[in-house]
Amino acid sequence: MAQVKSIGILETKGFTPLIEGADAALKAANVDLVEWRQSGSGIVSFVIEGEVAAVRSAIDVARTAASSVGEVISDMVIPRPVEVLKTTFKK
């Protein structure tokens, strides 16, 4: 994706809801998976990027899907993130 307009993050307790949410998000909207992270104590998260509306839609779908099989801790969408945040998530 040439220009990132938005970043979305979903954080779950356990890997199964994370995978369920990420799968649903990537199928629901034109977004790209940037990465997933393990924070410890079973907390995992994924980061997606794309146009603002697509990321909002994908995170909404991901939250619903993930909560159907486990615990969603938090989610957020950051429209037009500052450059330092974008580079934090890039590998």
Protein backbone atom coordinates (compact mmCIF):
# COMPACT_ATOMS: atom_id res chain seq x y z
CA MET A 1 0.00 0.00 0.00
CA ALA A 2 1.59 3.26 -1.09
CA GLN A 3 0.15 5.64 1.49
CA VAL A 4 -1.20 4.53 4.86
CA LYS A 5 -4.26 6.52 5.81
CA SER A 6 -5.26 4.53 8.87
CA ILE A 7 -4.02 1.87 11.28
CA GLY A 8 -6.30 -0.54 13.13
CA ILE A 9 -5.39 -2.70 16.13
CA LEU A 10 -7.28 -5.57 17.76
CA GLU A 11 -6.05 -7.05 21.04
CA THR A 12 -7.34 -10.39 22.34
CA LYS A 13 -6.80 -12.87 25.14
CA GLY A 14 -5.46 -15.91 23.33
CA PHE A 15 -4.44 -16.80 19.82
CA THR A 16 -7.73 -18.36 18.60
CA PRO A 17 -9.81 -15.17 18.78
CA LEU A 18 -6.92 -13.25 17.21
CA ILE A 19 -6.86 -15.57 14.19
CA GLU A 20 -10.66 -15.52 13.92
CA GLY A 21 -10.65 -11.72 14.01
CA ALA A 22 -7.76 -11.28 11.58
CA ASP A 23 -9.29 -13.72 9.10
CA ALA A 24 -12.64 -11.90 9.23
CA ALA A 25 -11.01 -8.47 8.91
CA LEU A 26 -8.91 -9.40 5.90
CA LYS A 27 -11.91 -10.96 4.14
CA ALA A 28 -14.25 -8.06 4.96
CA ALA A 29 -12.31 -5.07 3.65
CA ASN A 30 -9.40 -4.00 1.49
CA VAL A 31 -6.80 -3.87 4.27
CA ASP A 32 -3.33 -5.31 4.75
CA LEU A 33 -2.03 -7.19 7.77
CA VAL A 34 1.07 -5.37 9.02
CA GLU A 35 1.97 -7.65 11.91
CA TRP A 36 0.81 -9.52 14.98
CA ARG A 37 2.43 -9.35 18.41
CA GLN A 38 2.51 -11.35 21.60
CA SER A 39 2.55 -9.16 24.71
CA GLY A 40 2.70 -11.89 27.35
CA SER A 41 0.09 -13.42 29.66
CA GLY A 42 -1.78 -14.70 26.61
CA ILE A 43 -2.41 -11.22 25.20
CA VAL A 44 -1.92 -10.96 21.44
CA SER A 45 -2.75 -8.27 18.90
CA PHE A 46 -2.71 -7.62 15.20
CA VAL A 47 -2.23 -4.42 13.21
CA ILE A 48 -3.87 -3.69 9.87
CA GLU A 49 -3.55 -0.71 7.55
CA GLY A 50 -5.57 0.82 4.75
CA GLU A 51 -8.07 3.54 3.95
CA VAL A 52 -9.89 4.90 6.99
CA ALA A 53 -13.35 3.50 6.12
CA ALA A 54 -11.93 0.08 5.22
CA VAL A 55 -9.95 -0.16 8.47
CA ARG A 56 -12.96 0.92 10.57
CA SER A 57 -15.12 -1.69 8.87
CA ALA A 58 -12.47 -4.40 9.19
CA ILE A 59 -11.92 -3.74 12.91
CA ASP A 60 -15.70 -3.80 13.56
CA VAL A 61 -15.97 -7.16 11.80
CA ALA A 62 -12.84 -8.46 13.55
CA ARG A 63 -14.17 -7.49 16.99
CA THR A 64 -17.46 -9.32 16.37
CA ALA A 65 -15.75 -12.43 14.98
CA ALA A 66 -13.10 -12.59 17.70
CA SER A 67 -15.60 -12.12 20.52
CA SER A 68 -17.64 -15.05 19.18
CA VAL A 69 -14.79 -17.44 20.09
CA GLY A 70 -12.94 -15.67 22.89
CA GLU A 71 -12.18 -12.43 24.70
CA VAL A 72 -11.49 -9.13 22.98
CA ILE A 73 -9.47 -6.84 25.24
CA SER A 74 -9.48 -3.71 23.11
CA ASP A 75 -9.52 -2.32 19.61
CA MET A 76 -8.78 1.01 18.02
CA VAL A 77 -8.53 2.81 14.71
CA ILE A 78 -6.03 5.63 14.23
CA PRO A 79 -6.86 7.78 11.18
CA ARG A 80 -3.85 9.50 9.63
CA PRO A 81 -1.30 8.27 12.19
CA VAL A 82 1.89 10.25 12.65
CA GLU A 83 4.89 8.86 10.79
CA VAL A 84 6.62 7.52 13.90
CA LEU A 85 3.64 5.26 14.65
CA LYS A 86 3.60 3.93 11.10
CA THR A 87 7.29 3.03 11.27
CA THR A 88 6.85 1.40 14.69
CA PHE A 89 4.66 -1.27 13.13
CA LYS A 90 6.70 -1.79 9.96
CA LYS A 91 9.11 -4.70 9.98
